[in-house]
Structures are given as structure tokens and as C-alpha cells.
Amino acid sequence: MSGRGAVRRCVRDAPVQQQPIQIARLQRFAMDSFHESGAPLCSSLELRQDFSVALIGAGPASLACAAEVRRRGIRADILTLDRCQED
């Protein structure tokens, strides 16, 4: 996710005497720094056909894991609750 398109939200439950963390500004800083570094966004490796990785949930850890395995040429399937339920 790019910080440029993030919903502008702040952490409202910050401890007393501390300002809330402005998530959108933090994301934008991270993405701007990444783009300035010149690092490639994703791998040019072709996806391996012999196996893939299934990740449960679309939280930060699953997304980071998906990005890492993709860099290694492995397909990652992210399973979320709405995708697991039968209609």
C-alpha cells in the first residue's frame, strides 16, 4: 500500500501526554524513501510452477511475507475470512 492513497487516520488511543501517530504520514515517508532509494519494487523472476505459499490473513506480517516470497519467485496466496467463507 502506498502512503499516498492511505486513509487519513490517527491512532486515537495514544498514551496521555503524547501525540497520536499519524499513520498516513508515516506510510508516505516510508514510500517516498523507498522510491528515492531506487530499489526495484518487485522481482523480475518468473513465478515457480512447482509450488506456492498460502498465507492466512492480510495483516502486515502476511503482506511482508508475501512480498519476500515473491522476490524469490514463489507465488503467495493470501487467504482472508471473506475468501474462505462459502456463499
Protein backbone atom coordinates (compact mmCIF):
# COMPACT_ATOMS: atom_id res chain seq x y z
CA MET A 1 0.00 0.00 0.00
CA SER A 2 1.23 3.43 -0.82
CA GLY A 3 1.06 6.13 1.83
CA ARG A 4 -0.20 8.49 -0.84
CA GLY A 5 -3.54 6.70 -1.11
CA ALA A 6 -3.97 5.82 2.56
CA VAL A 7 -6.97 6.96 4.51
CA ARG A 8 -6.02 9.78 6.85
CA ARG A 9 -6.34 8.23 10.27
CA CYS A 10 -4.51 8.70 13.55
CA VAL A 11 -4.11 6.42 16.50
CA ARG A 12 -6.70 7.75 18.94
CA ASP A 13 -5.69 5.67 21.96
CA ALA A 14 -2.22 7.20 22.35
CA PRO A 15 -0.91 7.40 25.91
CA VAL A 16 -1.54 10.64 27.80
CA GLN A 17 0.90 13.49 27.01
CA GLN A 18 1.91 12.00 23.65
CA GLN A 19 0.67 12.97 20.22
CA PRO A 20 -1.09 10.26 18.19
CA ILE A 21 0.93 8.59 15.45
CA GLN A 22 -0.14 9.87 12.05
CA ILE A 23 -0.16 6.62 10.10
CA ALA A 24 -0.64 8.19 6.66
CA ARG A 25 2.38 10.48 7.13
CA LEU A 26 4.50 7.53 8.29
CA GLN A 27 3.44 5.47 5.25
CA ARG A 28 4.16 8.34 2.89
CA PHE A 29 7.61 8.85 4.40
CA ALA A 30 8.37 5.13 4.02
CA MET A 31 7.21 5.01 0.39
CA ASP A 32 8.99 8.25 -0.55
CA SER A 33 12.22 6.93 1.00
CA PHE A 34 11.81 3.64 -0.85
CA HIS A 35 11.28 5.34 -4.22
CA GLU A 36 14.25 7.68 -3.65
CA SER A 37 16.47 4.67 -2.94
CA GLY A 38 15.97 3.38 -6.48
CA ALA A 39 15.34 -0.18 -5.26
CA PRO A 40 13.15 -2.29 -7.56
CA LEU A 41 9.54 -2.64 -6.47
CA CYS A 42 9.18 -6.31 -7.30
CA SER A 43 11.19 -9.14 -8.70
CA SER A 44 11.65 -9.88 -12.35
CA LEU A 45 11.91 -13.59 -11.54
CA GLU A 46 9.31 -15.79 -13.18
CA LEU A 47 6.98 -17.49 -10.75
CA ARG A 48 7.83 -21.09 -9.97
CA GLN A 49 5.15 -23.52 -11.06
CA ASP A 50 6.01 -26.38 -8.69
CA PHE A 51 4.58 -24.83 -5.50
CA SER A 52 3.11 -21.77 -3.83
CA VAL A 53 2.69 -20.45 -0.29
CA ALA A 54 -0.67 -19.87 1.41
CA LEU A 55 -0.84 -17.04 3.96
CA ILE A 56 -3.69 -16.70 6.44
CA GLY A 57 -4.96 -13.12 6.84
CA ALA A 58 -3.98 -9.90 5.13
CA GLY A 59 -2.20 -8.27 8.05
CA PRO A 60 1.25 -6.67 7.99
CA ALA A 61 3.10 -9.94 8.62
CA SER A 62 1.31 -11.78 5.81
CA LEU A 63 1.86 -8.92 3.37
CA ALA A 64 5.55 -8.70 4.28
CA CYS A 65 5.91 -12.47 3.89
CA ALA A 66 4.10 -12.36 0.52
CA ALA A 67 6.46 -9.66 -0.72
CA GLU A 68 9.51 -11.64 0.41
CA VAL A 69 8.48 -14.94 -1.17
CA ARG A 70 7.51 -13.13 -4.39
CA ARG A 71 11.02 -11.66 -4.56
CA ARG A 72 12.23 -15.25 -4.53
CA GLY A 73 9.96 -16.22 -7.43
CA ILE A 74 7.35 -18.03 -5.36
CA ARG A 75 3.61 -17.38 -5.66
CA ALA A 76 1.85 -16.31 -2.45
CA ASP A 77 -1.91 -16.76 -1.98
CA ILE A 78 -3.35 -14.55 0.77
CA LEU A 79 -6.45 -16.07 2.34
CA THR A 80 -8.86 -13.75 4.14
CA LEU A 81 -12.04 -14.53 6.01
CA ASP A 82 -14.32 -13.38 3.20
CA ARG A 83 -12.40 -15.55 0.73
CA CYS A 84 -12.66 -18.62 2.98
CA GLN A 85 -16.41 -18.46 3.58
CA GLU A 86 -18.80 -20.24 1.26
CA ASP A 87 -21.78 -18.27 -0.05
